[in-house]
N, C-alpha and C. Protein backbone atom coordinates (compact mmCIF):
# COMPACT_ATOMS: atom_id res chain seq x y z
N MET A 1 7.64 104.21 118.30
CA MET A 1 8.40 103.13 118.77
C MET A 1 9.09 102.48 117.51
N SER A 2 10.40 102.15 117.63
CA SER A 2 11.03 101.63 116.34
C SER A 2 10.99 100.10 116.42
N PHE A 3 11.19 99.57 115.16
CA PHE A 3 11.08 98.16 114.94
C PHE A 3 12.24 97.38 115.63
N ASN A 4 11.98 96.30 116.18
CA ASN A 4 12.95 95.40 116.85
C ASN A 4 13.54 94.49 115.77
N TRP A 5 14.65 94.76 115.26
CA TRP A 5 15.29 94.08 114.13
C TRP A 5 15.88 92.66 114.63
N HIS A 6 15.94 92.46 116.02
CA HIS A 6 16.44 91.20 116.46
C HIS A 6 15.21 90.22 116.75
N ALA A 7 14.07 90.76 117.03
CA ALA A 7 13.03 89.83 117.43
C ALA A 7 11.68 90.13 116.68
N GLY A 8 11.53 91.16 116.02
CA GLY A 8 10.35 91.40 115.26
C GLY A 8 10.18 90.47 114.05
N PRO A 9 8.87 90.32 113.65
CA PRO A 9 8.69 89.44 112.42
C PRO A 9 9.03 90.35 111.25
N ILE A 10 9.92 89.76 110.31
CA ILE A 10 10.27 90.55 109.08
C ILE A 10 9.60 89.87 107.90
N THR A 11 8.88 90.77 107.25
CA THR A 11 8.25 90.33 106.02
C THR A 11 8.68 91.26 104.78
N ARG A 12 8.10 91.13 103.74
CA ARG A 12 8.50 92.00 102.49
C ARG A 12 7.89 93.40 102.75
N THR A 13 6.88 93.48 103.61
CA THR A 13 6.32 94.82 103.77
C THR A 13 6.89 95.55 105.06
N THR A 14 7.83 94.87 105.82
CA THR A 14 8.49 95.58 106.93
C THR A 14 9.19 96.85 106.40
N PRO A 15 8.82 97.94 106.97
CA PRO A 15 9.57 99.24 106.50
C PRO A 15 10.89 99.39 107.04
N ILE A 16 11.81 99.97 106.22
CA ILE A 16 13.13 100.20 106.70
C ILE A 16 13.04 101.49 107.43
N ASP A 17 13.52 101.52 108.65
CA ASP A 17 13.45 102.76 109.43
C ASP A 17 14.86 103.11 109.99
N SER A 18 15.04 104.20 110.70
CA SER A 18 16.36 104.72 111.15
C SER A 18 17.00 103.63 112.12
N SER A 19 16.22 102.78 112.71
CA SER A 19 16.85 101.80 113.62
C SER A 19 17.27 100.50 112.92
N TYR A 20 17.29 100.42 111.56
CA TYR A 20 17.60 99.29 110.78
C TYR A 20 18.91 98.70 111.21
N ARG A 21 18.99 97.40 111.42
CA ARG A 21 20.23 96.81 111.70
C ARG A 21 20.32 95.42 110.91
N ASN A 22 21.56 95.11 110.45
CA ASN A 22 21.72 93.73 109.77
C ASN A 22 21.85 92.59 110.72
N THR A 23 20.75 92.10 111.27
CA THR A 23 20.63 91.12 112.36
C THR A 23 20.62 89.78 111.66
N GLN A 24 20.68 88.79 112.63
CA GLN A 24 20.53 87.40 112.12
C GLN A 24 19.24 87.18 111.53
N LYS A 25 18.21 87.79 112.09
CA LYS A 25 16.76 87.66 111.52
C LYS A 25 16.67 88.30 110.11
N VAL A 26 17.33 89.43 109.89
CA VAL A 26 17.48 90.06 108.57
C VAL A 26 18.17 89.09 107.64
N ARG A 27 19.23 88.49 108.10
CA ARG A 27 19.97 87.56 107.15
C ARG A 27 19.03 86.37 106.78
N GLU A 28 18.31 85.80 107.79
CA GLU A 28 17.34 84.76 107.61
C GLU A 28 16.36 85.20 106.48
N PHE A 29 15.82 86.33 106.69
CA PHE A 29 14.73 86.78 105.80
C PHE A 29 15.42 86.84 104.34
N MET A 30 16.55 87.38 104.28
CA MET A 30 17.07 87.61 102.88
C MET A 30 17.50 86.34 102.32
N ALA A 31 17.97 85.37 102.95
CA ALA A 31 18.22 84.02 102.49
C ALA A 31 17.02 83.40 101.94
N SER A 32 15.88 83.54 102.70
CA SER A 32 14.56 82.87 102.31
C SER A 32 14.09 83.62 101.03
N GLU A 33 14.46 84.83 100.84
CA GLU A 33 13.84 85.66 99.62
C GLU A 33 14.80 85.49 98.46
N CYS A 34 16.20 85.42 98.75
CA CYS A 34 17.12 85.50 97.71
C CYS A 34 17.92 84.23 97.44
N GLY A 35 17.78 83.24 98.30
CA GLY A 35 18.42 81.93 98.18
C GLY A 35 19.69 81.90 98.98
N GLY A 36 20.33 80.70 99.05
CA GLY A 36 21.42 80.38 99.75
C GLY A 36 22.71 81.25 99.38
N ALA A 37 22.74 81.81 98.22
CA ALA A 37 23.98 82.55 97.77
C ALA A 37 23.95 83.95 98.38
N PHE A 38 22.83 84.33 99.11
CA PHE A 38 22.82 85.70 99.59
C PHE A 38 23.91 85.92 100.62
N LYS A 39 24.53 87.06 100.52
CA LYS A 39 25.34 87.63 101.53
C LYS A 39 25.54 89.09 101.44
N PHE A 40 25.67 89.72 102.59
CA PHE A 40 25.84 91.27 102.57
C PHE A 40 27.18 91.56 102.21
N ASP A 41 27.33 92.78 101.54
CA ASP A 41 28.70 93.35 101.28
C ASP A 41 28.50 94.81 101.67
N ARG A 42 29.62 95.52 101.84
CA ARG A 42 29.62 96.85 102.23
C ARG A 42 28.86 97.94 101.40
N PRO A 43 28.95 97.72 100.08
CA PRO A 43 28.24 98.76 99.23
C PRO A 43 26.68 98.48 99.37
N PHE A 44 26.30 97.25 99.45
CA PHE A 44 24.78 96.87 99.60
C PHE A 44 24.24 97.39 100.96
N MET A 45 25.03 97.13 102.09
CA MET A 45 24.63 97.60 103.31
C MET A 45 24.49 99.15 103.35
N ALA A 46 25.46 99.88 102.69
CA ALA A 46 25.37 101.32 102.66
C ALA A 46 24.22 101.71 101.78
N TRP A 47 23.84 101.03 100.82
CA TRP A 47 22.54 101.30 100.08
C TRP A 47 21.34 101.18 100.85
N ILE A 48 21.26 100.21 101.63
CA ILE A 48 20.16 100.00 102.49
C ILE A 48 20.09 101.22 103.47
N LYS A 49 21.19 101.60 104.03
CA LYS A 49 21.12 102.73 105.07
C LYS A 49 21.01 104.03 104.38
N SER A 50 21.07 104.24 103.12
CA SER A 50 20.96 105.38 102.39
C SER A 50 19.56 105.97 102.42
N GLY A 51 18.63 105.21 102.70
CA GLY A 51 17.19 105.58 102.60
C GLY A 51 16.54 105.31 101.25
N ALA A 52 17.34 104.71 100.29
CA ALA A 52 16.69 104.46 99.03
C ALA A 52 15.57 103.45 99.13
N PRO A 53 15.80 102.19 99.77
CA PRO A 53 14.71 101.35 99.78
C PRO A 53 13.64 101.70 100.97
N SER A 54 12.41 101.38 100.74
CA SER A 54 11.39 101.72 101.79
C SER A 54 11.00 100.45 102.52
N THR A 55 11.10 99.24 102.00
CA THR A 55 10.61 98.06 102.64
C THR A 55 11.69 96.94 102.37
N MET A 56 11.57 95.90 103.31
CA MET A 56 12.51 94.80 103.11
C MET A 56 12.23 94.10 101.72
N GLY A 57 11.07 94.18 101.23
CA GLY A 57 10.82 93.65 99.83
C GLY A 57 11.69 94.36 98.78
N ASP A 58 11.76 95.72 98.94
CA ASP A 58 12.70 96.50 98.12
C ASP A 58 14.11 95.98 98.20
N VAL A 59 14.59 95.70 99.44
CA VAL A 59 16.00 95.19 99.64
C VAL A 59 16.21 93.95 98.93
N ALA A 60 15.23 92.98 99.11
CA ALA A 60 15.40 91.57 98.56
C ALA A 60 15.37 91.79 97.01
N ASP A 61 14.44 92.66 96.48
CA ASP A 61 14.35 92.72 94.98
C ASP A 61 15.74 93.36 94.48
N GLU A 62 16.23 94.31 95.11
CA GLU A 62 17.42 94.95 94.65
C GLU A 62 18.59 94.01 94.68
N TRP A 63 18.72 93.15 95.77
CA TRP A 63 19.83 92.27 95.82
C TRP A 63 19.60 91.14 94.62
N LEU A 64 18.40 90.68 94.40
CA LEU A 64 18.16 89.73 93.30
C LEU A 64 18.57 90.49 91.93
N ARG A 65 18.11 91.77 91.73
CA ARG A 65 18.54 92.39 90.49
C ARG A 65 19.99 92.60 90.23
N LEU A 66 20.76 92.75 91.35
CA LEU A 66 22.21 92.97 91.27
C LEU A 66 22.86 91.63 91.02
N HIS A 67 22.26 90.49 91.43
CA HIS A 67 23.06 89.22 91.35
C HIS A 67 22.49 88.25 90.37
N ARG A 68 21.70 88.69 89.37
CA ARG A 68 21.14 87.77 88.34
C ARG A 68 21.99 87.86 87.11
């Protein structure tokens, strides 16, 4: 069964799976991890879907690395 990106609890250990979606809950998680300046852009969304990150913690860490 795939993760519900609209309603499931998202933490740093939530795995990225093939059902990943950029939902409001994902945005809320990313803003809490990365701060108010967080926003998605197309290259970053493509990176997430590429299979490179394995958890939401990896996603947050990469956004912070790119924007420091």
